[in-house]
Amino acid sequence: MNANSGILSYGAYIPRLRLQRSAIFAANAWFAAGLKGLAMGERAIANWDEDSVTMAVEAARDCLTGFDRGTVTALSLASTTHPFADRLNSGIVKEALTLSDSISALDVAGSQRAGTSSLIQALNAGVNGGTQLCVASELRKARPASEGELVQGDAAAAILVGAGDPIARFIGSHSVTLDFVDHFRASGADFDYTWESRWIRDEGYSMLLGDALAAAIETLVVDPAKIDRLLIPITVRGVPEGLAKKLGVPAAAVADTLAPNVGDSGVAHPLLMLAAALEQARPGETIMLVGFGQGCDVLLFETTEAIANLPRRDGFSGALARGKADENYLRFLFHRGLLDLDRGMRAEADQKQPGTTLFRNRKTVLGLVGGRCTKTGTVQFPRSEISVNPTDRAIGTQEDYPLAEKQARIVTYTADSLTYSPAPPQYYGMIDFEGGGRMFTEFADVDAESIEVGLAMKMMFRIKAVDEKRDFIKYFWKAVPVQQPAAGE
């Protein structure tokens, strides 16, 4: 590995909606009164038009703030909830980010430490002037009235790795692989099967993970008393603190597991905790990151002076701050496919997506790339051979003009309660982009109290519709408010 390589940047994404755990318990207390001890705080939940791909795109966009996307040479997407079993999910992310067609892309799955394992591979690979983007994203289902329903959360995180001037230098890693099955999910199954919690704590966390951490400290020659941040993505109360005490790591170094306000985001959780730690870290700090799942990954980093100069981004704190408290448990079940509602005849439209048109227009649909007339400067979406400039219908003068990173403002809007929407009413309207260009689009993450003409908007990658006959997801871009109310408001 290049001695000057390491972490160049980080990004995070947490869905806006935060389901109150008290609402989950209130609905299920008649059946599962024992869940009361978990009914505090809130968990992040993806909206109906979000999945592990859309969240990955948003985390990656945050991570790439201030960086030339043309330097990215490889992309990986770690998840145990990829929407497609046989379609390159990371390839969809690549198209949405308008990365070069010549990059390599890889889907990584199989365990909850898929994110840390792919990060280790990227760090050890050597970059030779390029950069590798490691993204982890998770949106799991849990049985109603289960512990998982309360403790899990949906989120994504991204880490950019490369040579140059890293914000965190990679010191090394230590991995252990054992078929320790604390939980599993068979191919095609919706829910995990979890073994007895005390056995997992004693045999898995205390012994397996504890031994791996001790071996890592010895192998990497690090003084445990000098570890500034210990990131253990296990939300079971007391486990990270117990391991730290056993190892001699200061109690103050144990990082917040994000359990109270996000939940356990599975594969994404180690990288999400890393993004949160890097956001707060100062130069010269030692950070130890753990991944757990059929073994352990332990990674060691040291932050550098460059961390103080990283371009501003939303990061973990920005993603957390945009949250909105939600108590609609039935809507959550419906959006997860766990409650079958009568959707009416308007929902029966065939959503078939011809593969030919999607391929030919992939830059327009997945990348939100419009056109700019090189003669008049007129911006339009979608791009066409004939300019829309009313005074000069120039032909063949269009160049690609990406719009996904442009801010916009609402020109007109409609709240439609007649058309079918999984979250009625459906909001849509006309927006004007800064620098030119106008687009008719759907809105997301808006409500009657906040939407208005002139409201500043940004574009987010979302699900447009689902072809349930063929199990195909149609993605596009929607406009969301630039600023969101703080959690609980």
Protein backbone atom coordinates (compact mmCIF):
# COMPACT_ATOMS: atom_id res chain seq x y z
CA MET A 1 0.00 0.00 0.00
CA ASN A 2 1.18 3.53 -0.77
CA ALA A 3 2.53 5.09 2.43
CA ASN A 4 0.64 8.30 1.66
CA SER A 5 -2.70 6.62 1.06
CA GLY A 6 -5.64 6.42 3.41
CA ILE A 7 -9.06 8.01 3.85
CA LEU A 8 -9.57 11.08 1.68
CA SER A 9 -13.18 11.83 2.53
CA TYR A 10 -16.36 10.52 4.13
CA GLY A 11 -20.10 10.95 3.70
CA ALA A 12 -23.31 9.85 5.37
CA TYR A 13 -27.01 9.60 4.69
CA ILE A 14 -29.85 8.99 7.15
CA PRO A 15 -33.47 9.04 5.94
CA ARG A 16 -35.55 11.98 7.10
CA LEU A 17 -38.25 10.01 8.90
CA ARG A 18 -37.55 8.81 12.44
CA LEU A 19 -40.15 6.35 13.72
CA GLN A 20 -40.69 6.68 17.45
CA ARG A 21 -40.06 3.39 19.18
CA SER A 22 -42.87 4.19 21.60
CA ALA A 23 -45.29 4.04 18.64
CA ILE A 24 -44.04 0.57 17.71
CA PHE A 25 -44.45 -0.66 21.28
CA ALA A 26 -47.88 0.94 21.71
CA ALA A 27 -49.16 -1.03 18.71
CA ASN A 28 -47.69 -4.32 19.89
CA ALA A 29 -47.82 -4.11 23.69
CA TRP A 30 -50.90 -6.34 23.84
CA PHE A 31 -48.85 -9.15 22.33
CA ALA A 32 -45.22 -8.41 23.22
CA ALA A 33 -45.16 -6.54 26.52
CA GLY A 34 -41.51 -7.51 26.98
CA LEU A 35 -40.47 -5.00 24.32
CA LYS A 36 -41.08 -2.09 26.68
CA GLY A 37 -37.41 -1.88 27.61
CA LEU A 38 -36.54 -1.12 23.97
CA ALA A 39 -39.29 1.47 23.44
CA MET A 40 -37.13 4.55 23.99
CA GLY A 41 -35.78 6.92 21.37
CA GLU A 42 -36.32 6.64 17.63
CA ARG A 43 -35.08 4.70 14.62
CA ALA A 44 -34.35 5.98 11.12
CA ILE A 45 -36.75 4.60 8.50
CA ALA A 46 -36.51 4.90 4.75
CA ASN A 47 -39.52 6.30 2.94
CA TRP A 48 -41.36 4.21 0.35
CA ASP A 49 -39.18 5.61 -2.44
CA GLU A 50 -35.84 4.80 -0.78
CA ASP A 51 -33.77 1.63 -0.70
CA SER A 52 -30.15 0.63 -0.21
CA VAL A 53 -29.26 1.93 -3.69
CA THR A 54 -30.83 5.38 -3.31
CA MET A 55 -29.33 5.83 0.16
CA ALA A 56 -25.93 4.74 -1.18
CA VAL A 57 -26.13 7.40 -3.88
CA GLU A 58 -26.83 10.12 -1.33
CA ALA A 59 -24.01 9.03 1.00
CA ALA A 60 -21.62 8.90 -1.95
CA ARG A 61 -22.63 12.37 -3.16
CA ASP A 62 -21.93 13.70 0.32
CA CYS A 63 -18.56 11.93 0.38
CA LEU A 64 -17.52 13.32 -3.02
CA THR A 65 -18.19 16.94 -2.06
CA GLY A 66 -15.24 18.98 -3.26
CA PHE A 67 -13.61 16.07 -5.13
CA ASP A 68 -13.15 15.47 -8.85
CA ARG A 69 -15.34 12.47 -9.67
CA GLY A 70 -13.17 11.79 -12.67
CA THR A 71 -10.45 10.48 -10.37
CA VAL A 72 -12.62 7.66 -8.99
CA THR A 73 -11.35 4.38 -10.45
CA ALA A 74 -13.36 1.83 -8.44
CA LEU A 75 -16.65 1.63 -6.59
CA SER A 76 -18.00 -0.97 -4.17
CA LEU A 77 -21.45 -1.21 -2.59
CA ALA A 78 -21.68 -3.34 0.54
CA SER A 79 -25.12 -4.45 1.69
CA THR A 80 -27.11 -7.53 2.66
CA THR A 81 -30.21 -5.87 1.21
CA HIS A 82 -29.25 -5.13 -2.38
CA PRO A 83 -32.51 -4.58 -4.33
CA PHE A 84 -31.32 -6.82 -7.18
CA ALA A 85 -29.89 -10.32 -6.90
CA ASP A 86 -28.73 -10.30 -10.52
CA ARG A 87 -28.18 -6.71 -11.63
CA LEU A 88 -25.10 -4.75 -10.61
CA ASN A 89 -26.46 -2.55 -7.84
CA SER A 90 -23.20 -0.61 -7.65
CA GLY A 91 -23.58 -0.01 -11.39
CA ILE A 92 -26.80 1.90 -10.72
CA VAL A 93 -24.93 3.99 -8.14
CA LYS A 94 -22.18 4.63 -10.71
CA GLU A 95 -24.71 5.90 -13.26
CA ALA A 96 -26.40 8.17 -10.72
CA LEU A 97 -23.03 9.67 -9.78
CA THR A 98 -22.12 10.10 -13.50
CA LEU A 99 -18.80 8.38 -12.90
CA SER A 100 -16.62 7.27 -15.79
CA ASP A 101 -17.72 4.21 -17.77
CA SER A 102 -14.18 2.83 -17.36
CA ILE A 103 -14.32 2.36 -13.59
CA SER A 104 -14.72 -1.04 -11.93
CA ALA A 105 -17.77 -1.67 -9.76
CA LEU A 106 -18.50 -4.43 -7.27
CA ASP A 107 -21.38 -5.54 -5.05
CA VAL A 108 -20.24 -6.90 -1.68
CA ALA A 109 -22.52 -8.93 0.60
CA GLY A 110 -22.63 -11.98 2.83
CA SER A 111 -22.24 -10.61 6.35
CA GLN A 112 -22.62 -7.56 8.56
CA ARG A 113 -18.91 -6.81 8.17
CA ALA A 114 -19.08 -6.57 4.39
CA GLY A 115 -18.52 -2.82 4.66
CA THR A 116 -15.33 -3.05 6.70
CA SER A 117 -14.04 -5.96 4.61
CA SER A 118 -14.48 -4.01 1.37
CA LEU A 119 -12.82 -0.99 2.99
CA ILE A 120 -9.80 -3.12 3.96
CA GLN A 121 -9.55 -4.45 0.41
CA ALA A 122 -9.57 -0.92 -0.98
CA LEU A 123 -6.99 0.31 1.50
CA ASN A 124 -4.67 -2.63 0.84
CA ALA A 125 -5.06 -2.61 -2.93
CA GLY A 126 -2.89 0.41 -3.64
CA VAL A 127 -4.36 3.13 -5.79
CA ASN A 128 -1.65 4.33 -8.21
CA GLY A 129 -3.12 7.81 -8.51
CA GLY A 130 -6.78 6.79 -8.55
CA THR A 131 -9.35 6.68 -5.79
CA GLN A 132 -11.77 4.00 -4.63
CA LEU A 133 -15.22 4.75 -3.27
CA CYS A 134 -16.46 2.31 -0.62
CA VAL A 135 -20.17 2.62 0.11
CA ALA A 136 -22.24 0.65 2.61
CA SER A 137 -26.03 0.84 2.77
CA GLU A 138 -28.71 -1.17 4.51
CA LEU A 139 -32.51 -1.34 4.66
CA ARG A 140 -33.59 -4.47 6.51
CA LYS A 141 -37.00 -5.91 7.20
CA ALA A 142 -37.93 -7.22 10.63
CA ARG A 143 -40.96 -9.15 11.81
CA PRO A 144 -43.60 -6.97 13.44
CA ALA A 145 -43.38 -7.07 17.24
CA SER A 146 -39.78 -8.31 17.13
CA GLU A 147 -36.73 -6.82 18.83
CA GLY A 148 -35.22 -6.17 15.42
CA GLU A 149 -38.10 -3.91 14.49
CA LEU A 150 -37.17 -1.60 17.35
CA VAL A 151 -33.38 -1.73 17.34
CA GLN A 152 -32.66 -1.63 13.61
CA GLY A 153 -32.35 1.53 11.50
CA ASP A 154 -31.82 2.47 7.85
CA ALA A 155 -28.74 4.42 6.74
CA ALA A 156 -25.76 4.59 4.39
CA ALA A 157 -22.18 5.79 4.58
CA ALA A 158 -19.34 6.24 2.12
CA ILE A 159 -15.55 6.39 2.49
CA LEU A 160 -13.23 7.64 -0.26
CA VAL A 161 -9.82 5.96 -0.27
CA GLY A 162 -6.77 7.02 -2.21
CA ALA A 163 -3.26 8.45 -2.38
CA GLY A 164 -2.22 12.03 -1.81
CA ASP A 165 -3.07 13.92 1.35
CA PRO A 166 -5.35 11.66 3.41
CA ILE A 167 -7.36 12.96 6.35
CA ALA A 168 -6.71 9.64 8.12
CA ARG A 169 -3.67 7.48 7.47
CA PHE A 170 -4.31 3.74 7.41
CA ILE A 171 -2.01 2.04 9.91
CA GLY A 172 -3.19 -1.52 9.36
CA SER A 173 -5.86 -4.13 10.02
CA HIS A 174 -6.47 -7.51 11.58
CA SER A 175 -9.21 -9.93 10.55
CA VAL A 176 -10.63 -13.18 11.91
CA THR A 177 -13.09 -15.38 10.03
CA LEU A 178 -15.20 -17.94 11.86
CA ASP A 179 -18.62 -19.33 11.01
CA PHE A 180 -20.15 -17.93 14.18
CA VAL A 181 -23.84 -17.76 13.30
CA ASP A 182 -25.44 -15.22 15.61
CA HIS A 183 -28.15 -14.70 13.01
CA PHE A 184 -28.79 -15.66 9.39
CA ARG A 185 -31.15 -15.03 6.51
CA ALA A 186 -31.60 -17.52 3.70
CA SER A 187 -31.69 -16.43 0.07
CA GLY A 188 -35.17 -15.19 -0.75
CA ALA A 189 -36.20 -14.86 2.90
CA ASP A 190 -37.51 -11.57 4.26
CA PHE A 191 -36.44 -11.86 7.88
CA ASP A 192 -33.38 -12.83 9.91
CA TYR A 193 -33.41 -15.75 12.31
CA THR A 194 -31.54 -14.78 15.49
CA TRP A 195 -30.10 -17.11 18.11
CA GLU A 196 -30.29 -16.64 21.89
CA SER A 197 -29.01 -13.21 22.93
CA ARG A 198 -27.01 -14.27 25.99
CA TRP A 199 -25.04 -16.81 23.95
CA ILE A 200 -24.30 -14.15 21.33
CA ARG A 201 -23.10 -11.74 24.01
CA ASP A 202 -20.93 -14.26 25.88
CA GLU A 203 -19.51 -16.30 23.01
CA GLY A 204 -19.60 -13.75 20.19
CA TYR A 205 -19.03 -10.30 21.63
CA SER A 206 -17.07 -11.07 24.79
CA MET A 207 -14.89 -13.93 23.54
CA LEU A 208 -14.70 -13.83 19.74
CA LEU A 209 -14.67 -10.06 19.35
CA GLY A 210 -12.71 -9.53 22.54
CA ASP A 211 -9.97 -11.91 21.42
CA ALA A 212 -9.85 -10.34 17.95
CA LEU A 213 -9.44 -6.85 19.43
CA ALA A 214 -6.68 -8.06 21.75
CA ALA A 215 -4.89 -9.72 18.83
CA ALA A 216 -5.26 -6.57 16.73
CA ILE A 217 -3.76 -4.42 19.48
CA GLU A 218 -0.79 -6.77 19.65
CA THR A 219 -0.39 -7.16 15.88
CA LEU A 220 -0.67 -3.46 15.13
CA VAL A 221 1.53 -2.54 18.08
CA VAL A 222 -0.80 0.04 19.55
CA ASP A 223 -1.06 1.14 23.16
CA PRO A 224 -4.75 0.66 24.10
CA ALA A 225 -4.51 3.56 26.54
CA LYS A 226 -3.67 5.85 23.62
CA ILE A 227 -6.66 4.93 21.45
CA ASP A 228 -8.71 8.11 21.13
CA ARG A 229 -11.80 6.64 19.51
CA LEU A 230 -12.96 3.02 19.67
CA LEU A 231 -15.80 2.36 17.23
CA ILE A 232 -17.69 -0.84 18.02
CA PRO A 233 -20.94 -1.03 15.97
CA ILE A 234 -22.84 -3.16 18.48
CA THR A 235 -25.90 -1.45 19.93
CA VAL A 236 -26.44 -3.93 22.77
CA ARG A 237 -26.18 -1.86 25.90
CA GLY A 238 -22.88 -2.14 27.76
CA VAL A 239 -21.01 -4.31 25.23
CA PRO A 240 -18.64 -1.66 23.79
CA GLU A 241 -17.91 -0.31 27.27
CA GLY A 242 -17.22 -3.79 28.63
CA LEU A 243 -14.82 -4.63 25.82
CA ALA A 244 -12.98 -1.33 26.24
CA LYS A 245 -12.50 -1.95 29.97
CA LYS A 246 -11.23 -5.45 29.32
CA LEU A 247 -8.69 -4.16 26.78
CA GLY A 248 -7.53 -1.15 28.77
CA VAL A 249 -9.01 1.40 26.38
CA PRO A 250 -10.17 4.60 28.15
CA ALA A 251 -13.92 4.73 28.73
CA ALA A 252 -13.99 8.20 27.15
CA ALA A 253 -12.73 6.70 23.88
CA VAL A 254 -15.81 4.49 23.39
CA ALA A 255 -17.85 6.03 20.58
CA ASP A 256 -21.60 6.56 20.64
CA THR A 257 -23.23 3.56 18.95
CA LEU A 258 -25.98 5.80 17.51
CA ALA A 259 -28.60 3.45 18.94
CA PRO A 260 -30.94 6.06 20.49
CA ASN A 261 -31.59 8.15 17.37
CA VAL A 262 -30.60 6.03 14.34
CA GLY A 263 -30.64 2.36 15.27
CA ASP A 264 -28.40 -0.49 14.15
CA SER A 265 -27.90 0.05 10.41
CA GLY A 266 -26.31 -3.33 9.79
CA VAL A 267 -23.61 -3.37 7.11
CA ALA A 268 -23.62 0.44 7.01
CA HIS A 269 -23.15 0.88 10.74
CA PRO A 270 -19.33 0.62 11.05
CA LEU A 271 -18.82 3.12 8.21
CA LEU A 272 -21.56 5.38 9.59
CA MET A 273 -19.82 5.44 12.97
CA LEU A 274 -16.52 6.13 11.19
CA ALA A 275 -18.06 9.07 9.33
CA ALA A 276 -19.41 10.43 12.62
CA ALA A 277 -16.01 10.03 14.29
CA LEU A 278 -14.06 11.67 11.45
CA GLU A 279 -16.46 14.61 11.54
CA GLN A 280 -15.46 15.31 15.14
CA ALA A 281 -11.82 14.19 15.07
CA ARG A 282 -8.82 16.46 15.31
CA PRO A 283 -5.36 15.86 13.82
CA GLY A 284 -3.24 13.21 15.51
CA GLU A 285 -6.06 11.04 16.86
CA THR A 286 -5.92 7.24 16.81
CA ILE A 287 -9.16 5.61 15.66
CA MET A 288 -9.90 1.88 15.91
CA LEU A 289 -12.85 0.61 13.86
CA VAL A 290 -14.52 -2.77 14.26
CA GLY A 291 -16.66 -4.85 11.92
CA PHE A 292 -18.47 -7.92 13.30
CA GLY A 293 -20.13 -10.73 11.36
CA GLN A 294 -18.98 -14.36 11.07
CA GLY A 295 -15.70 -13.09 12.41
CA CYS A 296 -14.21 -9.64 12.93
CA ASP A 297 -12.39 -6.86 11.10
CA VAL A 298 -10.31 -4.38 13.08
CA LEU A 299 -8.92 -1.30 11.31
CA LEU A 300 -6.57 1.31 12.75
CA PHE A 301 -6.26 4.90 11.53
CA GLU A 302 -4.42 8.04 12.55
CA THR A 303 -5.91 11.39 11.57
CA THR A 304 -3.71 14.00 9.90
CA GLU A 305 -3.56 17.77 9.59
CA ALA A 306 -5.55 17.47 6.34
CA ILE A 307 -8.72 16.67 8.26
CA ALA A 308 -9.05 20.34 9.21
CA ASN A 309 -9.17 21.36 5.52
CA LEU A 310 -11.80 18.93 4.26
CA PRO A 311 -14.50 20.69 2.20
CA ARG A 312 -17.74 21.31 4.07
CA ARG A 313 -20.43 18.67 3.63
CA ASP A 314 -23.65 17.57 5.34
CA GLY A 315 -21.89 14.63 6.95
CA PHE A 316 -23.34 12.64 9.80
CA SER A 317 -24.51 15.63 11.83
CA GLY A 318 -26.28 17.19 8.85
CA ALA A 319 -28.01 13.91 8.01
CA LEU A 320 -29.07 13.49 11.62
CA ALA A 321 -30.35 17.06 11.95
CA ARG A 322 -32.77 16.80 9.03
CA GLY A 323 -34.85 14.20 10.83
CA LYS A 324 -38.58 14.43 11.38
CA ALA A 325 -40.31 12.49 14.16
CA ASP A 326 -42.91 10.03 12.89
CA GLU A 327 -45.47 8.00 14.84
CA ASN A 328 -47.35 6.40 11.95
CA TYR A 329 -46.56 2.75 12.55
CA LEU A 330 -49.15 1.48 10.06
CA ARG A 331 -47.60 3.54 7.26
CA PHE A 332 -44.21 2.09 8.14
CA LEU A 333 -45.61 -1.45 7.85
CA PHE A 334 -47.23 -0.62 4.51
CA HIS A 335 -44.04 0.85 3.07
CA ARG A 336 -42.11 -2.25 4.22
CA GLY A 337 -44.57 -4.52 2.41
CA LEU A 338 -45.83 -5.98 5.69
CA LEU A 339 -49.36 -4.60 5.48
CA ASP A 340 -51.50 -5.20 2.40
CA LEU A 341 -53.81 -2.22 1.82
CA ASP A 342 -56.41 -1.83 -0.91
CA ARG A 343 -54.60 0.55 -3.26
CA GLY A 344 -57.48 1.03 -5.67
CA MET A 345 -57.69 0.89 -9.44
CA ARG A 346 -55.39 3.87 -9.96
CA ALA A 347 -52.52 1.73 -8.70
CA GLU A 348 -53.03 -0.87 -11.42
CA ALA A 349 -51.10 0.91 -14.16
CA ASP A 350 -48.41 -1.25 -15.80
CA GLN A 351 -45.00 0.13 -14.81
CA LYS A 352 -42.98 -1.84 -17.38
CA GLN A 353 -39.62 -0.21 -18.15
CA PRO A 354 -38.27 -1.05 -21.63
CA GLY A 355 -34.61 -1.92 -21.21
CA THR A 356 -33.69 -0.39 -24.57
CA THR A 357 -34.90 3.11 -23.71
CA LEU A 358 -33.39 2.96 -20.21
CA PHE A 359 -29.99 2.06 -21.64
CA ARG A 360 -30.08 4.71 -24.34
CA ASN A 361 -31.22 7.39 -21.92
CA ARG A 362 -29.33 6.23 -18.82
CA LYS A 363 -27.48 9.54 -18.45
CA THR A 364 -30.77 11.44 -18.53
CA VAL A 365 -32.74 9.09 -16.28
CA LEU A 366 -30.15 7.86 -13.79
CA GLY A 367 -27.64 10.71 -13.92
CA LEU A 368 -30.03 13.68 -14.42
CA VAL A 369 -27.84 14.96 -17.24
CA GLY A 370 -29.50 17.65 -19.33
CA GLY A 371 -28.19 19.70 -22.22
CA ARG A 372 -26.57 23.09 -22.68
CA CYS A 373 -26.46 24.84 -26.03
CA THR A 374 -22.83 25.74 -26.78
CA LYS A 375 -24.03 28.57 -29.01
CA THR A 376 -26.54 30.38 -26.78
CA GLY A 377 -25.85 28.89 -23.32
CA THR A 378 -29.48 27.78 -22.95
CA VAL A 379 -29.90 24.90 -20.48
CA GLN A 380 -32.65 22.35 -20.93
CA PHE A 381 -33.88 19.05 -19.59
CA PRO A 382 -34.03 16.64 -21.22
CA ARG A 383 -31.28 17.21 -23.76
CA SER A 384 -32.33 17.19 -27.39
CA GLU A 385 -30.79 17.86 -30.78
CA ILE A 386 -32.78 21.09 -31.14
CA SER A 387 -32.30 23.89 -28.63
CA VAL A 388 -35.36 25.20 -26.78
CA ASN A 389 -34.10 28.78 -27.05
CA PRO A 390 -37.07 30.61 -28.67
CA THR A 391 -34.82 33.00 -30.61
CA ASP A 392 -32.33 30.46 -31.90
CA ARG A 393 -33.41 26.87 -32.54
CA ALA A 394 -29.82 25.74 -32.97
CA ILE A 395 -29.36 22.14 -34.10
CA GLY A 396 -26.60 19.80 -32.91
CA THR A 397 -25.12 22.29 -30.43
CA GLN A 398 -25.99 20.49 -27.18
CA GLU A 399 -23.38 19.35 -24.67
CA ASP A 400 -23.95 17.29 -21.52
CA TYR A 401 -24.97 19.43 -18.54
CA PRO A 402 -25.36 17.56 -15.21
CA LEU A 403 -28.14 18.98 -13.03
CA ALA A 404 -28.10 16.72 -9.98
CA GLU A 405 -25.79 19.00 -7.99
CA LYS A 406 -27.61 22.22 -8.95
CA GLN A 407 -29.98 23.85 -6.50
CA ALA A 408 -33.42 24.90 -7.68
CA ARG A 409 -36.53 26.76 -6.57
CA ILE A 410 -40.19 25.83 -6.84
CA VAL A 411 -42.08 27.70 -9.56
CA THR A 412 -45.38 25.84 -9.24
CA TYR A 413 -46.60 22.93 -7.13
CA THR A 414 -49.61 20.66 -6.76
CA ALA A 415 -50.69 18.35 -3.96
CA ASP A 416 -52.58 15.58 -5.74
CA SER A 417 -54.82 13.32 -3.63
CA LEU A 418 -56.49 11.63 -6.61
CA THR A 419 -53.53 9.92 -8.25
CA TYR A 420 -52.13 6.83 -6.53
CA SER A 421 -49.20 7.40 -4.19
CA PRO A 422 -47.88 5.15 -1.40
CA ALA A 423 -47.67 8.33 0.71
CA PRO A 424 -50.52 10.62 -0.35
CA PRO A 425 -50.88 13.31 -1.38
CA GLN A 426 -48.35 13.23 -4.20
CA TYR A 427 -46.49 16.53 -4.57
CA TYR A 428 -45.10 17.63 -7.93
CA GLY A 429 -44.50 20.77 -9.90
CA MET A 430 -42.08 22.94 -11.86
CA ILE A 431 -38.63 23.94 -10.63
CA ASP A 432 -36.02 26.35 -11.97
CA PHE A 433 -32.35 25.40 -11.59
CA GLU A 434 -29.70 27.92 -10.65
CA GLY A 435 -27.75 28.73 -13.79
CA GLY A 436 -30.62 27.81 -16.09
CA GLY A 437 -32.88 24.90 -16.85
CA ARG A 438 -36.45 24.11 -15.92
CA MET A 439 -37.93 20.74 -15.01
CA PHE A 440 -41.29 19.24 -14.10
CA THR A 441 -40.70 16.74 -11.32
CA GLU A 442 -42.03 15.02 -8.23
CA PHE A 443 -41.23 16.33 -4.76
CA ALA A 444 -40.23 14.26 -1.75
CA ASP A 445 -39.84 14.95 1.97
CA VAL A 446 -42.33 17.84 1.81
CA ASP A 447 -45.58 18.57 3.63
CA ALA A 448 -48.39 21.10 3.50
CA GLU A 449 -46.85 23.24 6.23
CA SER A 450 -43.47 23.75 4.54
CA ILE A 451 -44.01 23.74 0.79
CA GLU A 452 -44.32 27.08 -1.02
CA VAL A 453 -43.43 28.79 -4.28
CA GLY A 454 -39.80 29.93 -4.17
CA LEU A 455 -38.73 27.23 -1.70
CA ALA A 456 -35.08 26.22 -2.24
CA MET A 457 -34.80 22.61 -3.39
CA LYS A 458 -32.09 20.08 -4.17
CA MET A 459 -32.26 16.86 -6.16
CA MET A 460 -32.19 13.40 -4.58
CA PHE A 461 -32.03 9.97 -6.21
CA ARG A 462 -35.22 8.06 -5.41
CA ILE A 463 -37.48 5.25 -6.57
CA LYS A 464 -39.89 6.47 -9.23
CA ALA A 465 -42.07 3.36 -9.35
CA VAL A 466 -41.92 -0.40 -8.96
CA ASP A 467 -42.90 -2.84 -11.69
CA GLU A 468 -44.37 -5.52 -9.44
CA LYS A 469 -45.16 -7.86 -12.36
CA ARG A 470 -41.47 -8.16 -13.27
CA ASP A 471 -39.82 -7.15 -9.97
CA PHE A 472 -38.04 -4.19 -11.52
CA ILE A 473 -37.38 -0.89 -9.74
CA LYS A 474 -37.50 2.35 -11.73
CA TYR A 475 -35.23 5.07 -10.37
CA PHE A 476 -35.26 8.81 -11.06
CA TRP A 477 -34.57 12.11 -9.32
CA LYS A 478 -36.95 14.07 -7.09
CA ALA A 479 -36.73 17.53 -5.58
CA VAL A 480 -36.51 17.86 -1.79
CA PRO A 481 -36.19 20.95 0.42
CA VAL A 482 -32.63 22.15 0.99
CA GLN A 483 -33.24 22.65 4.70
CA GLN A 484 -35.31 20.40 6.90
CA PRO A 485 -36.72 21.00 10.40
CA ALA A 486 -34.75 19.60 13.30
CA ALA A 487 -35.77 16.25 14.74
CA GLY A 488 -38.93 16.45 16.81
CA GLU A 489 -40.14 19.74 15.39
